[in-house]
N, C-alpha and C. Protein backbone atom coordinates (compact mmCIF):
# COMPACT_ATOMS: atom_id res chain seq x y z
N MET A 1 15.62 22.00 11.35
CA MET A 1 15.96 20.76 10.97
C MET A 1 14.83 19.67 11.15
N SER A 2 14.78 18.86 10.33
CA SER A 2 13.64 17.91 10.36
C SER A 2 14.00 16.59 11.11
N ASN A 3 13.02 16.21 11.91
CA ASN A 3 12.96 14.83 12.76
C ASN A 3 12.84 13.68 11.78
N GLU A 4 12.47 13.77 10.48
CA GLU A 4 12.00 12.76 9.70
C GLU A 4 13.07 11.60 9.75
N GLY A 5 12.62 10.26 10.08
CA GLY A 5 13.46 9.25 10.21
C GLY A 5 13.92 9.01 11.65
N LYS A 6 13.96 9.83 12.37
CA LYS A 6 14.64 9.84 13.84
C LYS A 6 13.64 9.31 14.78
N LYS A 7 14.27 8.62 15.62
CA LYS A 7 13.38 7.89 16.70
C LYS A 7 13.49 9.14 17.88
N VAL A 8 12.16 9.36 18.42
CA VAL A 8 11.91 10.35 19.31
C VAL A 8 11.09 9.99 20.29
N ARG A 9 11.24 10.64 21.54
CA ARG A 9 10.36 10.47 22.54
C ARG A 9 9.40 11.75 22.86
N VAL A 10 8.02 11.71 22.88
CA VAL A 10 7.24 12.82 23.07
C VAL A 10 6.15 12.60 24.27
N HIS A 11 6.04 13.63 24.94
CA HIS A 11 4.69 13.59 25.97
C HIS A 11 3.55 14.32 25.16
N TYR A 12 2.31 13.72 25.61
CA TYR A 12 1.25 14.31 24.75
C TYR A 12 0.03 14.07 25.61
N THR A 13 -1.13 15.04 25.41
CA THR A 13 -2.35 14.85 25.98
C THR A 13 -3.39 15.04 24.67
N GLY A 14 -4.34 14.06 24.56
CA GLY A 14 -5.19 13.98 23.37
C GLY A 14 -6.42 14.49 23.96
N THR A 15 -7.13 15.41 23.35
CA THR A 15 -8.60 15.69 23.62
C THR A 15 -9.42 15.95 22.39
N LEU A 16 -10.72 15.74 22.70
CA LEU A 16 -11.78 15.89 21.77
C LEU A 16 -12.28 17.52 21.57
N ASP A 17 -12.96 17.76 20.77
CA ASP A 17 -13.35 19.06 20.54
C ASP A 17 -14.15 19.48 21.76
N ASP A 18 -14.82 18.60 22.42
CA ASP A 18 -15.61 19.18 23.73
C ASP A 18 -14.77 19.38 24.75
N GLY A 19 -13.47 18.81 24.69
CA GLY A 19 -12.38 19.02 25.81
C GLY A 19 -12.17 17.80 26.64
N THR A 20 -13.03 16.60 26.15
CA THR A 20 -12.70 15.50 26.76
C THR A 20 -11.28 14.72 26.54
N LYS A 21 -10.68 14.57 27.62
CA LYS A 21 -9.36 13.77 27.34
C LYS A 21 -9.55 12.39 26.88
N PHE A 22 -8.99 11.86 25.86
CA PHE A 22 -9.04 10.50 25.43
C PHE A 22 -7.80 9.66 25.62
N ASP A 23 -6.62 10.42 25.81
CA ASP A 23 -5.46 9.67 26.01
C ASP A 23 -4.25 10.62 26.60
N SER A 24 -3.51 10.25 27.37
CA SER A 24 -2.22 11.04 27.81
C SER A 24 -1.10 10.28 28.33
N SER A 25 0.00 10.53 27.56
CA SER A 25 1.22 9.82 28.08
C SER A 25 1.60 10.27 29.59
N HIS A 26 1.32 11.49 29.82
CA HIS A 26 1.35 11.89 31.30
C HIS A 26 0.89 11.17 32.36
N ASP A 27 -0.34 10.52 31.85
CA ASP A 27 -1.07 9.51 32.81
C ASP A 27 -0.08 8.37 33.12
N ARG A 28 0.57 7.82 32.31
CA ARG A 28 1.52 6.73 32.32
C ARG A 28 2.79 7.08 32.91
N ASN A 29 3.00 8.44 32.98
CA ASN A 29 4.38 8.87 33.38
C ASN A 29 5.55 8.20 32.52
N GLU A 30 5.12 8.13 31.18
CA GLU A 30 6.11 7.63 30.24
C GLU A 30 5.91 8.20 28.81
N PRO A 31 6.83 9.00 28.23
CA PRO A 31 6.63 9.54 26.91
C PRO A 31 6.63 8.26 26.04
N ILE A 32 5.85 8.53 24.79
CA ILE A 32 5.92 7.56 23.85
C ILE A 32 7.22 7.70 22.96
N GLU A 33 7.57 6.51 22.46
CA GLU A 33 8.66 6.60 21.43
C GLU A 33 8.26 5.91 20.06
N PHE A 34 8.69 6.75 19.21
CA PHE A 34 8.47 6.28 17.72
C PHE A 34 9.37 6.93 16.78
N THR A 35 9.32 6.41 15.48
CA THR A 35 10.22 6.97 14.55
C THR A 35 9.23 7.83 13.77
N VAL A 36 9.77 9.22 13.52
CA VAL A 36 9.13 10.21 12.95
C VAL A 36 8.87 9.94 11.40
N LEU A 37 7.57 10.11 10.87
CA LEU A 37 7.22 9.79 9.68
C LEU A 37 7.30 8.54 8.97
N ALA A 38 7.54 7.51 9.97
CA ALA A 38 7.52 6.02 9.57
C ALA A 38 6.24 5.33 9.52
N GLY A 39 5.14 6.10 9.70
CA GLY A 39 3.93 5.53 9.63
C GLY A 39 3.35 4.67 11.03
N MET A 40 4.21 4.90 12.02
CA MET A 40 3.97 4.30 13.32
C MET A 40 2.70 5.20 14.19
N MET A 41 2.60 6.64 13.77
CA MET A 41 1.51 7.28 14.49
C MET A 41 0.54 7.72 13.20
N ILE A 42 -0.53 8.32 13.85
CA ILE A 42 -1.67 9.01 12.74
C ILE A 42 -0.86 10.07 12.15
N PRO A 43 -1.27 10.25 10.88
CA PRO A 43 -0.40 11.17 10.09
C PRO A 43 -0.26 12.54 10.51
N GLY A 44 -1.36 13.04 11.15
CA GLY A 44 -1.10 14.34 11.46
C GLY A 44 -0.41 14.56 12.71
N PHE A 45 -0.45 13.80 13.45
CA PHE A 45 0.75 13.81 14.71
C PHE A 45 1.95 13.54 14.21
N ASP A 46 2.26 12.59 13.47
CA ASP A 46 3.63 12.52 12.70
C ASP A 46 4.22 13.74 12.14
N ARG A 47 3.24 14.48 11.45
CA ARG A 47 3.84 15.65 10.84
C ARG A 47 4.05 16.81 11.78
N ALA A 48 3.34 16.58 12.98
CA ALA A 48 3.33 17.90 13.84
C ALA A 48 4.73 17.68 14.56
N VAL A 49 5.12 16.58 14.70
CA VAL A 49 6.49 16.33 15.34
C VAL A 49 7.62 16.50 14.41
N ALA A 50 7.39 16.35 13.12
CA ALA A 50 8.60 16.30 12.16
C ALA A 50 9.40 17.68 12.34
N ASP A 51 8.74 18.63 12.61
CA ASP A 51 9.62 19.88 12.68
C ASP A 51 9.78 20.67 14.09
N MET A 52 9.58 19.83 15.00
CA MET A 52 9.75 20.21 16.53
C MET A 52 11.20 20.27 17.04
N GLN A 53 11.51 21.04 17.87
CA GLN A 53 12.79 21.03 18.56
C GLN A 53 12.60 20.60 20.01
N VAL A 54 13.81 19.95 20.51
CA VAL A 54 13.65 19.23 21.92
C VAL A 54 13.36 20.34 22.90
N GLY A 55 12.45 20.06 23.72
CA GLY A 55 11.78 21.02 24.62
C GLY A 55 10.55 21.98 24.15
N GLU A 56 10.46 21.86 22.81
CA GLU A 56 9.22 22.62 22.30
C GLU A 56 7.91 22.01 22.62
N THR A 57 6.83 22.70 22.84
CA THR A 57 5.50 22.24 23.17
C THR A 57 4.67 22.87 22.04
N LYS A 58 3.78 22.16 21.56
CA LYS A 58 2.89 22.73 20.57
C LYS A 58 1.50 21.94 20.70
N THR A 59 0.43 22.83 20.33
CA THR A 59 -0.96 22.20 20.42
C THR A 59 -1.47 22.18 18.87
N VAL A 60 -1.76 20.96 18.36
CA VAL A 60 -2.32 20.92 16.99
C VAL A 60 -3.67 20.25 16.98
N ARG A 61 -4.59 20.68 16.27
CA ARG A 61 -5.86 20.01 16.05
C ARG A 61 -5.82 19.32 14.63
N ILE A 62 -6.16 18.04 14.69
CA ILE A 62 -5.84 17.29 13.49
C ILE A 62 -7.32 16.68 13.11
N PRO A 63 -7.64 17.08 11.87
CA PRO A 63 -9.03 16.67 11.37
C PRO A 63 -9.08 15.14 11.30
N ALA A 64 -10.21 14.67 11.21
CA ALA A 64 -10.47 13.07 11.27
C ALA A 64 -9.88 12.54 10.20
N ALA A 65 -9.69 13.07 9.06
CA ALA A 65 -9.07 12.43 7.86
C ALA A 65 -7.58 12.21 8.17
N GLU A 66 -6.85 13.07 8.90
CA GLU A 66 -5.52 12.99 9.38
C GLU A 66 -5.22 12.14 10.52
N ALA A 67 -6.38 11.64 11.18
CA ALA A 67 -6.20 11.19 12.56
C ALA A 67 -6.53 9.61 12.25
N TYR A 68 -7.79 9.23 12.59
CA TYR A 68 -8.26 7.77 12.43
C TYR A 68 -9.16 7.76 11.22
N GLY A 69 -9.28 8.60 10.44
CA GLY A 69 -10.12 8.59 9.32
C GLY A 69 -11.66 8.74 9.52
N GLU A 70 -12.41 8.88 8.44
CA GLU A 70 -13.84 9.31 8.66
C GLU A 70 -14.62 7.91 9.02
N VAL A 71 -15.69 7.97 9.46
CA VAL A 71 -16.49 6.81 9.73
C VAL A 71 -16.59 6.20 8.44
N ASP A 72 -16.49 4.92 8.40
CA ASP A 72 -16.61 4.16 7.12
C ASP A 72 -17.91 3.14 7.29
N PRO A 73 -19.04 3.38 6.54
CA PRO A 73 -20.23 2.60 6.64
C PRO A 73 -19.96 1.07 6.20
N SER A 74 -18.91 0.65 5.52
CA SER A 74 -18.60 -0.68 5.23
C SER A 74 -18.07 -1.48 6.37
N ALA A 75 -17.62 -0.65 7.30
CA ALA A 75 -17.03 -1.39 8.51
C ALA A 75 -18.32 -1.63 9.55
N VAL A 76 -19.49 -1.47 9.12
CA VAL A 76 -20.54 -1.76 10.15
C VAL A 76 -21.18 -3.01 9.46
N HIS A 77 -21.38 -4.18 10.37
CA HIS A 77 -21.78 -5.41 9.72
C HIS A 77 -22.95 -5.88 10.63
N THR A 78 -24.05 -6.29 10.09
CA THR A 78 -25.16 -6.90 10.74
C THR A 78 -25.08 -8.50 10.46
N VAL A 79 -25.03 -9.36 11.49
CA VAL A 79 -24.82 -10.67 11.40
C VAL A 79 -26.08 -11.53 11.97
N PRO A 80 -26.71 -12.43 11.44
CA PRO A 80 -27.76 -13.18 12.01
C PRO A 80 -27.14 -13.77 13.45
N LEU A 81 -27.93 -13.89 14.46
CA LEU A 81 -27.48 -14.24 15.83
C LEU A 81 -27.17 -15.69 15.50
N ALA A 82 -27.72 -16.58 14.77
CA ALA A 82 -27.53 -18.01 14.52
C ALA A 82 -26.19 -18.18 14.04
N GLN A 83 -25.51 -17.27 13.25
CA GLN A 83 -24.19 -17.45 12.78
C GLN A 83 -23.17 -17.27 13.63
N LEU A 84 -23.44 -16.77 14.80
CA LEU A 84 -22.36 -16.26 15.76
C LEU A 84 -22.71 -16.83 17.16
N PRO A 85 -22.43 -18.03 17.48
CA PRO A 85 -22.94 -18.48 18.86
C PRO A 85 -22.19 -17.64 19.93
N GLY A 86 -22.94 -17.34 21.02
CA GLY A 86 -22.53 -16.38 22.06
C GLY A 86 -22.88 -14.97 21.97
N ALA A 87 -23.28 -14.64 20.81
CA ALA A 87 -23.62 -13.08 20.37
C ALA A 87 -24.96 -13.08 21.12
N GLU A 88 -25.66 -13.77 21.50
CA GLU A 88 -27.00 -13.39 22.19
C GLU A 88 -26.62 -12.98 23.52
N ASN A 89 -25.40 -13.11 23.89
CA ASN A 89 -25.30 -12.59 25.36
C ASN A 89 -24.43 -11.21 25.41
N CYS A 90 -24.25 -10.65 24.09
CA CYS A 90 -23.72 -9.40 24.04
C CYS A 90 -24.71 -8.29 24.23
N GLU A 91 -24.16 -7.19 24.63
CA GLU A 91 -25.08 -5.92 25.20
C GLU A 91 -24.77 -4.91 24.17
N VAL A 92 -25.73 -4.12 23.68
CA VAL A 92 -25.53 -2.83 22.87
C VAL A 92 -24.50 -1.93 23.71
N GLY A 93 -23.44 -1.42 22.98
CA GLY A 93 -22.52 -0.67 23.63
C GLY A 93 -21.17 -1.39 24.09
N GLN A 94 -21.23 -2.72 24.12
CA GLN A 94 -20.26 -3.64 24.49
C GLN A 94 -19.00 -3.56 23.22
N ARG A 95 -17.84 -3.44 23.78
CA ARG A 95 -16.79 -3.63 22.93
C ARG A 95 -16.17 -5.16 22.88
N VAL A 96 -16.26 -5.86 21.64
CA VAL A 96 -15.90 -7.15 21.67
C VAL A 96 -14.77 -7.29 20.65
N MET A 97 -14.08 -8.56 20.64
CA MET A 97 -13.03 -8.67 19.58
C MET A 97 -13.60 -9.90 18.66
N LEU A 98 -13.53 -9.59 17.42
CA LEU A 98 -13.97 -10.50 16.24
C LEU A 98 -12.85 -10.97 15.61
N GLY A 99 -12.99 -12.19 14.89
CA GLY A 99 -11.91 -12.47 13.92
C GLY A 99 -12.20 -11.88 12.80
N GLY A 100 -11.04 -11.29 12.32
CA GLY A 100 -10.99 -10.34 10.99
C GLY A 100 -10.43 -11.24 9.73
N PRO A 101 -10.07 -10.66 8.79
CA PRO A 101 -9.24 -11.24 7.77
C PRO A 101 -8.22 -12.00 8.15
N GLY A 102 -7.97 -13.30 7.78
CA GLY A 102 -6.79 -14.03 7.89
C GLY A 102 -6.68 -14.32 9.52
N GLY A 103 -7.94 -14.40 10.24
CA GLY A 103 -8.09 -14.58 11.63
C GLY A 103 -7.31 -13.38 12.60
N MET A 104 -7.00 -12.34 12.04
CA MET A 104 -6.48 -11.19 12.85
C MET A 104 -7.69 -10.67 13.79
N PRO A 105 -7.45 -10.56 15.03
CA PRO A 105 -8.61 -9.92 15.99
C PRO A 105 -8.87 -8.35 15.64
N MET A 106 -10.12 -8.26 15.46
CA MET A 106 -10.61 -6.91 15.17
C MET A 106 -11.55 -6.29 16.42
N SER A 107 -11.30 -5.09 16.99
CA SER A 107 -12.31 -4.55 17.97
C SER A 107 -13.44 -4.08 17.31
N ALA A 108 -14.50 -4.32 17.99
CA ALA A 108 -15.97 -3.75 17.33
C ALA A 108 -16.69 -3.53 18.42
N VAL A 109 -17.74 -2.67 18.09
CA VAL A 109 -18.72 -2.24 19.24
C VAL A 109 -20.13 -2.63 18.74
N VAL A 110 -20.88 -3.40 19.61
CA VAL A 110 -22.19 -3.73 19.49
C VAL A 110 -23.10 -2.40 19.49
N THR A 111 -23.66 -2.27 18.11
CA THR A 111 -24.49 -0.90 18.06
C THR A 111 -25.92 -1.19 18.09
N ALA A 112 -26.27 -2.46 17.76
CA ALA A 112 -27.72 -2.81 17.70
C ALA A 112 -27.91 -4.43 17.87
N LYS A 113 -29.04 -4.87 18.48
CA LYS A 113 -29.14 -6.37 18.74
C LYS A 113 -30.80 -6.43 18.82
N ASP A 114 -31.27 -7.51 18.12
CA ASP A 114 -32.74 -7.88 18.37
C ASP A 114 -32.73 -9.44 18.28
N ASP A 115 -33.77 -9.87 18.39
CA ASP A 115 -33.93 -11.51 18.45
C ASP A 115 -33.37 -12.29 17.14
N GLU A 116 -32.99 -11.46 16.29
CA GLU A 116 -32.64 -12.16 14.92
C GLU A 116 -31.18 -11.85 14.60
N ALA A 117 -30.64 -10.56 14.90
CA ALA A 117 -29.49 -10.21 14.36
C ALA A 117 -28.71 -9.19 15.27
N ILE A 118 -27.45 -9.12 15.14
CA ILE A 118 -26.58 -8.23 15.89
C ILE A 118 -25.84 -7.38 15.04
N THR A 119 -25.61 -6.12 15.20
CA THR A 119 -24.81 -5.14 14.39
C THR A 119 -23.48 -4.82 15.14
N PHE A 120 -22.28 -4.78 14.51
CA PHE A 120 -21.10 -4.62 14.94
C PHE A 120 -20.48 -3.49 14.09
N ASP A 121 -19.92 -2.48 14.78
CA ASP A 121 -19.33 -1.35 14.14
C ASP A 121 -17.90 -1.66 14.47
N MET A 122 -17.00 -1.81 13.33
CA MET A 122 -15.54 -2.02 13.29
C MET A 122 -14.69 -0.83 13.14
N ASN A 123 -15.28 0.40 13.06
CA ASN A 123 -14.63 1.47 12.89
C ASN A 123 -13.83 1.83 14.23
N HIS A 124 -12.56 2.48 14.21
CA HIS A 124 -11.79 2.80 15.28
C HIS A 124 -12.79 3.76 16.01
N GLU A 125 -12.74 3.64 17.38
CA GLU A 125 -13.54 4.48 18.26
C GLU A 125 -13.48 5.91 18.17
N LEU A 126 -12.34 6.45 17.39
CA LEU A 126 -12.00 7.89 17.31
C LEU A 126 -12.23 8.29 15.77
N ALA A 127 -12.84 7.33 15.01
CA ALA A 127 -13.00 7.54 13.57
C ALA A 127 -14.13 8.63 13.45
N GLY A 128 -13.99 9.72 12.51
CA GLY A 128 -14.87 10.60 12.39
C GLY A 128 -14.75 11.77 13.41
N LYS A 129 -13.66 11.86 14.27
CA LYS A 129 -13.52 12.79 15.11
C LYS A 129 -12.18 13.73 14.89
N ALA A 130 -12.25 14.91 15.07
CA ALA A 130 -11.14 15.72 15.03
C ALA A 130 -10.59 15.60 16.44
N LEU A 131 -9.14 15.55 16.36
CA LEU A 131 -8.30 15.21 17.73
C LEU A 131 -7.50 16.53 17.91
N THR A 132 -7.29 17.03 19.13
CA THR A 132 -6.41 17.97 19.54
C THR A 132 -5.25 17.29 20.46
N PHE A 133 -3.92 17.66 19.95
CA PHE A 133 -2.95 17.14 20.94
C PHE A 133 -2.10 18.30 21.33
N LYS A 134 -1.84 18.19 22.66
CA LYS A 134 -0.50 19.13 23.22
C LYS A 134 0.45 18.07 23.17
N ILE A 135 1.60 18.47 22.35
CA ILE A 135 2.78 17.73 22.17
C ILE A 135 4.01 18.34 22.78
N THR A 136 4.91 17.65 23.52
CA THR A 136 6.28 18.27 23.96
C THR A 136 7.23 17.09 23.37
N LEU A 137 8.13 17.61 22.72
CA LEU A 137 9.27 16.88 22.15
C LEU A 137 10.33 16.70 23.33
N VAL A 138 10.36 15.44 23.86
CA VAL A 138 11.16 15.38 25.06
C VAL A 138 12.71 15.00 24.68
N GLU A 139 12.77 14.33 23.48
CA GLU A 139 14.19 13.85 23.30
C GLU A 139 14.17 13.36 21.91
N VAL A 140 15.29 13.47 21.09
CA VAL A 140 15.59 12.81 20.08
C VAL A 140 16.63 11.91 20.31
N LEU A 141 16.35 10.45 19.95
CA LEU A 141 17.18 9.52 20.59
C LEU A 141 18.31 8.99 19.61
N ASP A 142 18.14 9.41 18.28
CA ASP A 142 19.19 9.17 17.38
C ASP A 142 19.14 10.11 16.32
N GLU A 143 20.14 10.19 15.42
CA GLU A 143 20.20 11.08 14.38
C GLU A 143 19.99 10.43 12.94
N ALA A 144 19.26 9.19 13.04
CA ALA A 144 19.12 8.31 11.90
C ALA A 144 19.91 8.64 10.71
């Protein structure tokens, strides 16, 4: 029986290929709640939960394209320091919030900086990475 369109609660732990944990609902002692296949989750995670039974645990490896996407070179921008007051105080590796289209805040990482310019990478921090999730379906909240 499919969970498509149903609101569910799941516990999960996400790891990278090297075993590094990047997130876990267990650490917050609270399962996440979302509607299955409604676009609220990364595609591979959504599909993994779609056919699970309550109480079932599965481990899935999701390729980058089905997670946060591949690294997009067009999301890397170099800006003259003179155009961005305060940027001279940024450090390489620092995560900053920039104004995106329509004034929406966008997270970026400073990847390079010299006396003339600063480079920001606005790709999601997990872009280009395959992700492994151990997922347990805790509850189906409605039968949508």
